[in-house]
PDB file of N, CA and C in Angstrom:
ATOM      1  N   MET A   1     -74.095  10.398  69.179  1.00  0.00           N
ATOM      2  CA  MET A   1     -73.440   9.376  68.151  1.00  0.00           C
ATOM      3  C   MET A   1     -72.044   8.924  68.440  1.00  0.00           C
ATOM      4  N   GLU A   2     -71.328   9.874  69.235  1.00  0.00           N
ATOM      5  CA  GLU A   2     -70.083   9.537  69.956  1.00  0.00           C
ATOM      6  C   GLU A   2     -69.967   8.918  70.820  1.00  0.00           C
ATOM      7  N   ARG A   3     -71.382   9.058  71.543  1.00  0.00           N
ATOM      8  CA  ARG A   3     -71.191   8.394  72.789  1.00  0.00           C
ATOM      9  C   ARG A   3     -71.303   6.819  72.591  1.00  0.00           C
ATOM     10  N   TRP A   4     -72.827   6.546  72.116  1.00  0.00           N
ATOM     11  CA  TRP A   4     -72.881   5.138  71.892  1.00  0.00           C
ATOM     12  C   TRP A   4     -71.573   3.996  71.324  1.00  0.00           C
ATOM     13  N   LEU A   5     -70.524   4.935  70.311  1.00  0.00           N
ATOM     14  CA  LEU A   5     -69.675   4.128  69.763  1.00  0.00           C
ATOM     15  C   LEU A   5     -68.438   4.036  70.798  1.00  0.00           C
ATOM     16  N   SER A   6     -68.647   4.855  71.949  1.00  0.00           N
ATOM     17  CA  SER A   6     -67.128   4.954  72.652  1.00  0.00           C
ATOM     18  C   SER A   6     -67.648   3.596  73.903  1.00  0.00           C
ATOM     19  N   GLN A   7     -69.139   2.911  73.696  1.00  0.00           N
ATOM     20  CA  GLN A   7     -69.308   1.710  74.619  1.00  0.00           C
ATOM     21  C   GLN A   7     -68.241   0.878  74.084  1.00  0.00           C
ATOM     22  N   PRO A   8     -67.346  -0.248  74.735  1.00  0.00           N
ATOM     23  CA  PRO A   8     -66.949  -1.157  74.202  1.00  0.00           C
ATOM     24  C   PRO A   8     -67.350  -1.858  73.791  1.00  0.00           C
ATOM     25  N   SER A   9     -69.022  -2.540  73.873  1.00  0.00           N
ATOM     26  CA  SER A   9     -69.632  -3.557  73.323  1.00  0.00           C
ATOM     27  C   SER A   9     -69.904  -3.370  72.350  1.00  0.00           C
ATOM     28  N   LEU A  10     -70.442  -1.908  71.609  1.00  0.00           N
ATOM     29  CA  LEU A  10     -71.050  -1.927  70.857  1.00  0.00           C
ATOM     30  C   LEU A  10     -70.352  -1.646  69.722  1.00  0.00           C
ATOM     31  N   SER A  11     -69.047  -0.676  70.261  1.00  0.00           N
ATOM     32  CA  SER A  11     -67.798  -0.840  69.222  1.00  0.00           C
ATOM     33  C   SER A  11     -67.154  -2.257  68.850  1.00  0.00           C
ATOM     34  N   GLY A  12     -67.290  -3.277  69.431  1.00  0.00           N
ATOM     35  CA  GLY A  12     -67.091  -4.216  69.137  1.00  0.00           C
ATOM     36  C   GLY A  12     -67.273  -4.941  68.423  1.00  0.00           C
ATOM     37  N   LEU A  13     -69.034  -5.034  68.615  1.00  0.00           N
ATOM     38  CA  LEU A  13     -69.923  -5.609  67.889  1.00  0.00           C
ATOM     39  C   LEU A  13     -70.210  -5.138  66.438  1.00  0.00           C
ATOM     40  N   LEU A  14     -69.922  -3.728  66.434  1.00  0.00           N
ATOM     41  CA  LEU A  14     -70.055  -3.366  65.035  1.00  0.00           C
ATOM     42  C   LEU A  14     -68.301  -3.541  64.355  1.00  0.00           C
ATOM     43  N   GLY A  15     -67.746  -3.586  64.760  1.00  0.00           N
ATOM     44  CA  GLY A  15     -66.480  -4.182  64.143  1.00  0.00           C
ATOM     45  C   GLY A  15     -66.180  -5.682  63.982  1.00  0.00           C
ATOM     46  N   THR A  16     -66.968  -6.547  64.564  1.00  0.00           N
ATOM     47  CA  THR A  16     -66.996  -7.499  64.549  1.00  0.00           C
ATOM     48  C   THR A  16     -68.021  -8.039  63.263  1.00  0.00           C
ATOM     49  N   VAL A  17     -68.945  -7.257  63.343  1.00  0.00           N
ATOM     50  CA  VAL A  17     -70.452  -7.546  61.682  1.00  0.00           C
ATOM     51  C   VAL A  17     -69.349  -6.978  60.699  1.00  0.00           C
ATOM     52  N   VAL A  18     -68.603  -6.067  60.649  1.00  0.00           N
ATOM     53  CA  VAL A  18     -67.924  -5.477  59.528  1.00  0.00           C
ATOM     54  C   VAL A  18     -67.068  -6.457  58.809  1.00  0.00           C
ATOM     55  N   ALA A  19     -66.167  -7.118  60.088  1.00  0.00           N
ATOM     56  CA  ALA A  19     -65.051  -8.034  59.484  1.00  0.00           C
ATOM     57  C   ALA A  19     -65.712  -9.248  59.062  1.00  0.00           C
ATOM     58  N   SER A  20     -66.705  -9.726  59.421  1.00  0.00           N
ATOM     59  CA  SER A  20     -67.052 -11.041  59.059  1.00  0.00           C
ATOM     60  C   SER A  20     -68.209 -10.750  57.620  1.00  0.00           C
ATOM     61  N   LEU A  21     -68.836  -9.758  57.388  1.00  0.00           N
ATOM     62  CA  LEU A  21     -69.120  -9.257  56.114  1.00  0.00           C
ATOM     63  C   LEU A  21     -68.222  -8.865  54.938  1.00  0.00           C
ATOM     64  N   SER A  22     -67.437  -8.441  55.437  1.00  0.00           N
ATOM     65  CA  SER A  22     -65.908  -8.362  54.879  1.00  0.00           C
ATOM     66  C   SER A  22     -65.547  -9.881  54.273  1.00  0.00           C
ATOM     67  N   ILE A  23     -65.386 -10.548  54.946  1.00  0.00           N
ATOM     68  CA  ILE A  23     -64.702 -12.108  54.788  1.00  0.00           C
ATOM     69  C   ILE A  23     -65.525 -12.681  54.051  1.00  0.00           C
ATOM     70  N   GLY A  24     -66.696 -12.930  54.417  1.00  0.00           N
ATOM     71  CA  GLY A  24     -67.934 -13.424  53.889  1.00  0.00           C
ATOM     72  C   GLY A  24     -68.141 -12.990  52.265  1.00  0.00           C
ATOM     73  N   THR A  25     -67.778 -11.787  51.823  1.00  0.00           N
ATOM     74  CA  THR A  25     -68.013 -10.964  50.429  1.00  0.00           C
ATOM     75  C   THR A  25     -66.774 -12.098  49.490  1.00  0.00           C
ATOM     76  N   LEU A  26     -65.370 -11.657  50.494  1.00  0.00           N
ATOM     77  CA  LEU A  26     -64.288 -12.139  49.655  1.00  0.00           C
ATOM     78  C   LEU A  26     -64.271 -13.773  49.485  1.00  0.00           C
ATOM     79  N   PHE A  27     -65.293 -14.404  50.004  1.00  0.00           N
ATOM     80  CA  PHE A  27     -65.164 -15.519  49.987  1.00  0.00           C
ATOM     81  C   PHE A  27     -65.906 -16.250  49.141  1.00  0.00           C
ATOM     82  N   LEU A  28     -67.107 -15.217  48.802  1.00  0.00           N
ATOM     83  CA  LEU A  28     -68.665 -15.682  47.976  1.00  0.00           C
ATOM     84  C   LEU A  28     -67.890 -15.604  46.349  1.00  0.00           C
ATOM     85  N   ILE A  29     -67.004 -14.039  46.430  1.00  0.00           N
ATOM     86  CA  ILE A  29     -66.246 -13.489  45.017  1.00  0.00           C
ATOM     87  C   ILE A  29     -65.439 -14.443  44.410  1.00  0.00           C
ATOM     88  N   ARG A  30     -64.374 -15.210  45.699  1.00  0.00           N
ATOM     89  CA  ARG A  30     -63.594 -16.291  45.100  1.00  0.00           C
ATOM     90  C   ARG A  30     -64.700 -17.451  44.807  1.00  0.00           C
ATOM     91  N   GLN A  31     -65.701 -18.040  45.206  1.00  0.00           N
ATOM     92  CA  GLN A  31     -66.224 -19.288  44.856  1.00  0.00           C
ATOM     93  C   GLN A  31     -66.795 -18.992  43.778  1.00  0.00           C
ATOM     94  N   LEU A  32     -67.199 -18.188  43.748  1.00  0.00           N
ATOM     95  CA  LEU A  32     -67.895 -17.295  42.105  1.00  0.00           C
ATOM     96  C   LEU A  32     -67.058 -17.391  41.126  1.00  0.00           C
ATOM     97  N   SER A  33     -65.703 -16.746  41.404  1.00  0.00           N
ATOM     98  CA  SER A  33     -64.411 -16.759  39.884  1.00  0.00           C
ATOM     99  C   SER A  33     -64.071 -18.155  39.946  1.00  0.00           C
ATOM    100  N   LYS A  34     -64.051 -18.700  40.913  1.00  0.00           N
ATOM    101  CA  LYS A  34     -63.799 -20.253  40.621  1.00  0.00           C
ATOM    102  C   LYS A  34     -64.705 -21.378  39.825  1.00  0.00           C
ATOM    103  N   ASP A  35     -65.812 -21.434  40.485  1.00  0.00           N
ATOM    104  CA  ASP A  35     -67.051 -22.157  39.680  1.00  0.00           C
ATOM    105  C   ASP A  35     -67.090 -21.532  37.972  1.00  0.00           C
ATOM    106  N   SER A  36     -66.891 -20.327  37.417  1.00  0.00           N
ATOM    107  CA  SER A  36     -66.845 -19.956  36.357  1.00  0.00           C
ATOM    108  C   SER A  36     -66.542 -20.844  35.475  1.00  0.00           C
ATOM    109  N   LYS A  37     -65.357 -21.299  35.725  1.00  0.00           N
ATOM    110  CA  LYS A  37     -64.296 -22.129  34.739  1.00  0.00           C
ATOM    111  C   LYS A  37     -64.562 -23.227  34.848  1.00  0.00           C
ATOM    112  N   LYS A  38     -65.679 -23.723  35.872  1.00  0.00           N
ATOM    113  CA  LYS A  38     -65.825 -25.175  35.934  1.00  0.00           C
ATOM    114  C   LYS A  38     -67.197 -25.033  34.627  1.00  0.00           C
ATOM    115  N   ASN A  39     -68.102 -23.912  35.086  1.00  0.00           N
ATOM    116  CA  ASN A  39     -69.397 -24.109  34.459  1.00  0.00           C
ATOM    117  C   ASN A  39     -68.899 -23.767  32.775  1.00  0.00           C
ATOM    118  N   HIS A  40     -68.193 -22.899  32.566  1.00  0.00           N
ATOM    119  CA  HIS A  40     -67.972 -22.892  31.105  1.00  0.00           C
ATOM    120  C   HIS A  40     -68.041 -24.267  30.326  1.00  0.00           C
ATOM    121  N   GLN A  41     -67.313 -25.410  30.782  1.00  0.00           N
ATOM    122  CA  GLN A  41     -67.224 -26.609  30.326  1.00  0.00           C
ATOM    123  C   GLN A  41     -68.771 -26.852  30.345  1.00  0.00           C
ATOM    124  N   ASP A  42     -69.354 -26.995  31.398  1.00  0.00           N
ATOM    125  CA  ASP A  42     -70.828 -27.335  31.853  1.00  0.00           C
ATOM    126  C   ASP A  42     -71.685 -26.913  30.965  1.00  0.00           C
ATOM    127  N   ASP A  43     -71.454 -25.672  30.536  1.00  0.00           N
ATOM    128  CA  ASP A  43     -72.556 -24.785  29.315  1.00  0.00           C
ATOM    129  C   ASP A  43     -72.184 -25.514  28.151  1.00  0.00           C
ATOM    130  N   LYS A  44     -70.893 -25.389  27.368  1.00  0.00           N
ATOM    131  CA  LYS A  44     -70.495 -26.168  26.568  1.00  0.00           C
ATOM    132  C   LYS A  44     -71.268 -27.486  26.383  1.00  0.00           C
ATOM    133  N   ALA A  45     -70.977 -28.315  27.288  1.00  0.00           N
ATOM    134  CA  ALA A  45     -71.721 -29.654  26.995  1.00  0.00           C
ATOM    135  C   ALA A  45     -73.137 -29.627  26.908  1.00  0.00           C
ATOM    136  N   LEU A  46     -73.499 -28.625  27.341  1.00  0.00           N
ATOM    137  CA  LEU A  46     -74.986 -28.973  27.246  1.00  0.00           C
ATOM    138  C   LEU A  46     -75.858 -28.501  26.038  1.00  0.00           C
ATOM    139  N   LEU A  47     -74.824 -27.158  25.795  1.00  0.00           N
ATOM    140  CA  LEU A  47     -75.445 -26.841  24.543  1.00  0.00           C
ATOM    141  C   LEU A  47     -75.286 -27.719  23.224  1.00  0.00           C
ATOM    142  N   LYS A  48     -73.920 -28.608  23.479  1.00  0.00           N
ATOM    143  CA  LYS A  48     -73.932 -29.702  22.111  1.00  0.00           C
ATOM    144  C   LYS A  48     -74.966 -30.947  22.299  1.00  0.00           C
ATOM    145  N   GLU A  49     -75.451 -30.595  23.970  1.00  0.00           N
ATOM    146  CA  GLU A  49     -76.225 -32.201  23.777  1.00  0.00           C
ATOM    147  C   GLU A  49     -77.527 -31.389  23.294  1.00  0.00           C
ATOM    148  N   LEU A  50     -78.257 -30.165  23.676  1.00  0.00           N
ATOM    149  CA  LEU A  50     -79.160 -30.021  22.945  1.00  0.00           C
ATOM    150  C   LEU A  50     -79.288 -29.661  21.231  1.00  0.00           C
ATOM    151  N   LEU A  51     -78.241 -29.251  20.937  1.00  0.00           N
ATOM    152  CA  LEU A  51     -78.110 -29.241  19.625  1.00  0.00           C
ATOM    153  C   LEU A  51     -78.144 -30.385  18.921  1.00  0.00           C
ATOM    154  N   GLU A  52     -77.801 -31.604  19.485  1.00  0.00           N
ATOM    155  CA  GLU A  52     -77.659 -32.652  18.989  1.00  0.00           C
ATOM    156  C   GLU A  52     -78.873 -33.471  19.256  1.00  0.00           C
ATOM    157  N   GLY A  53     -80.066 -32.945  20.368  1.00  0.00           N
ATOM    158  CA  GLY A  53     -81.162 -33.524  20.766  1.00  0.00           C
ATOM    159  C   GLY A  53     -82.238 -32.953  19.540  1.00  0.00           C
ATOM    160  N   PHE A  54     -81.849 -31.666  19.120  1.00  0.00           N
ATOM    161  CA  PHE A  54     -82.866 -31.293  18.251  1.00  0.00           C
ATOM    162  C   PHE A  54     -82.599 -31.575  16.667  1.00  0.00           C
ATOM    163  N   GLY A  55     -81.711 -32.215  16.625  1.00  0.00           N
ATOM    164  CA  GLY A  55     -80.989 -32.650  15.630  1.00  0.00           C
ATOM    165  C   GLY A  55     -79.908 -31.506  13.959  1.00  0.00           C
ATOM    166  N   LEU A  56     -79.744 -30.338  15.063  1.00  0.00           N
ATOM    167  CA  LEU A  56     -79.012 -29.488  14.604  1.00  0.00           C
ATOM    168  C   LEU A  56     -77.233 -29.659  14.454  1.00  0.00           C
ATOM    169  N   GLU A  57     -76.670 -28.927  13.587  1.00  0.00           N
ATOM    170  CA  GLU A  57     -75.721 -28.941  13.359  1.00  0.00           C
ATOM    171  C   GLU A  57     -75.074 -28.324  14.455  1.00  0.00           C
ATOM    172  N   VAL A  58     -73.821 -29.437  14.600  1.00  0.00           N
ATOM    173  CA  VAL A  58     -72.850 -28.868  16.047  1.00  0.00           C
ATOM    174  C   VAL A  58     -71.627 -28.037  15.434  1.00  0.00           C
ATOM    175  N   PRO A  59     -71.076 -27.054  15.855  1.00  0.00           N
ATOM    176  CA  PRO A  59     -70.127 -26.304  15.760  1.00  0.00           C
ATOM    177  C   PRO A  59     -68.628 -26.954  15.816  1.00  0.00           C
ATOM    178  N   GLU A  60     -67.413 -26.919  15.339  1.00  0.00           N
ATOM    179  CA  GLU A  60     -66.568 -27.422  15.690  1.00  0.00           C
ATOM    180  C   GLU A  60     -65.899 -27.144  17.171  1.00  0.00           C
ATOM    181  N   GLU A  61     -66.379 -26.048  17.540  1.00  0.00           N
ATOM    182  CA  GLU A  61     -66.047 -25.743  18.702  1.00  0.00           C
ATOM    183  C   GLU A  61     -66.578 -26.683  20.276  1.00  0.00           C
ATOM    184  N   LEU A  62     -67.763 -27.137  19.700  1.00  0.00           N
ATOM    185  CA  LEU A  62     -68.410 -28.081  20.578  1.00  0.00           C
ATOM    186  C   LEU A  62     -68.487 -29.632  20.410  1.00  0.00           C
ATOM    187  N   GLN A  63     -67.648 -29.851  19.244  1.00  0.00           N
ATOM    188  CA  GLN A  63     -67.486 -31.295  18.861  1.00  0.00           C
ATOM    189  C   GLN A  63     -66.509 -32.185  20.409  1.00  0.00           C
ATOM    190  N   ASP A  64     -65.512 -31.460  21.129  1.00  0.00           N
ATOM    191  CA  ASP A  64     -64.611 -31.997  22.077  1.00  0.00           C
ATOM    192  C   ASP A  64     -64.929 -31.293  23.133  1.00  0.00           C
ATOM    193  N   THR A  65     -66.024 -31.410  24.021  1.00  0.00           N
ATOM    194  CA  THR A  65     -66.125 -30.558  24.937  1.00  0.00           C
ATOM    195  C   THR A  65     -65.419 -30.635  26.457  1.00  0.00           C
ATOM    196  N   HIS A  66     -64.826 -31.868  25.999  1.00  0.00           N
ATOM    197  CA  HIS A  66     -63.818 -32.325  27.635  1.00  0.00           C
ATOM    198  C   HIS A  66     -62.417 -32.240  27.263  1.00  0.00           C
ATOM    199  N   ASN A  67     -61.963 -31.784  25.997  1.00  0.00           N
ATOM    200  CA  ASN A  67     -60.597 -31.817  26.050  1.00  0.00           C
ATOM    201  C   ASN A  67     -60.213 -30.249  26.196  1.00  0.00           C
ATOM    202  N   ASN A  68     -59.555 -30.104  27.080  1.00  0.00           N
ATOM    203  CA  ASN A  68     -58.862 -28.650  27.642  1.00  0.00           C
ATOM    204  C   ASN A  68     -57.326 -28.490  27.127  1.00  0.00           C
ATOM    205  N   ILE A  69     -56.919 -29.246  26.348  1.00  0.00           N
ATOM    206  CA  ILE A  69     -55.564 -29.335  26.027  1.00  0.00           C
ATOM    207  C   ILE A  69     -55.336 -28.313  25.135  1.00  0.00           C
ATOM    208  N   ILE A  70     -54.695 -27.378  24.951  1.00  0.00           N
ATOM    209  CA  ILE A  70     -54.394 -26.386  23.978  1.00  0.00           C
ATOM    210  C   ILE A  70     -53.178 -27.172  22.945  1.00  0.00           C
ATOM    211  N   GLU A  71     -53.268 -26.944  22.356  1.00  0.00           N
ATOM    212  CA  GLU A  71     -52.520 -27.485  20.833  1.00  0.00           C
ATOM    213  C   GLU A  71     -51.328 -26.529  20.419  1.00  0.00           C
ATOM    214  N   THR A  72     -50.103 -26.977  20.568  1.00  0.00           N
ATOM    215  CA  THR A  72     -49.070 -25.607  20.466  1.00  0.00           C
ATOM    216  C   THR A  72     -48.905 -25.725  18.733  1.00  0.00           C
ATOM    217  N   ILE A  73     -48.247 -24.859  18.378  1.00  0.00           N
ATOM    218  CA  ILE A  73     -48.403 -24.313  16.889  1.00  0.00           C
ATOM    219  C   ILE A  73     -46.773 -24.642  16.868  1.00  0.00           C
ATOM    220  N   LYS A  74     -45.911 -26.105  16.000  1.00  0.00           N
ATOM    221  CA  LYS A  74     -45.193 -25.995  15.604  1.00  0.00           C
ATOM    222  C   LYS A  74     -44.339 -24.752  14.848  1.00  0.00           C
ATOM    223  N   THR A  75     -43.374 -24.666  15.177  1.00  0.00           N
ATOM    224  CA  THR A  75     -42.493 -23.590  13.932  1.00  0.00           C
ATOM    225  C   THR A  75     -41.544 -24.299  13.338  1.00  0.00           C
ATOM    226  N   PRO A  76     -41.322 -24.038  11.869  1.00  0.00           N
ATOM    227  CA  PRO A  76     -40.194 -25.201  11.109  1.00  0.00           C
ATOM    228  C   PRO A  76     -39.008 -24.588  11.763  1.00  0.00           C
TER     229      PRO A  76
END
């Protein structure tokens, strides 16, 4: 095993493959975490649409699906 790892072309190829897979995995994880925030709002909008389509009651949490503003609590 040491003999084929000592060859520059094979060890370079192996290093390139490992580096490419690592970078690809990191990119994929980053994209999935970014999309999950967007999908949350899309899922809420779809649920609201389905509930309305079946004539069911829509809970307060789904009334305004495009409002991302958090209201602050005013203290006296």
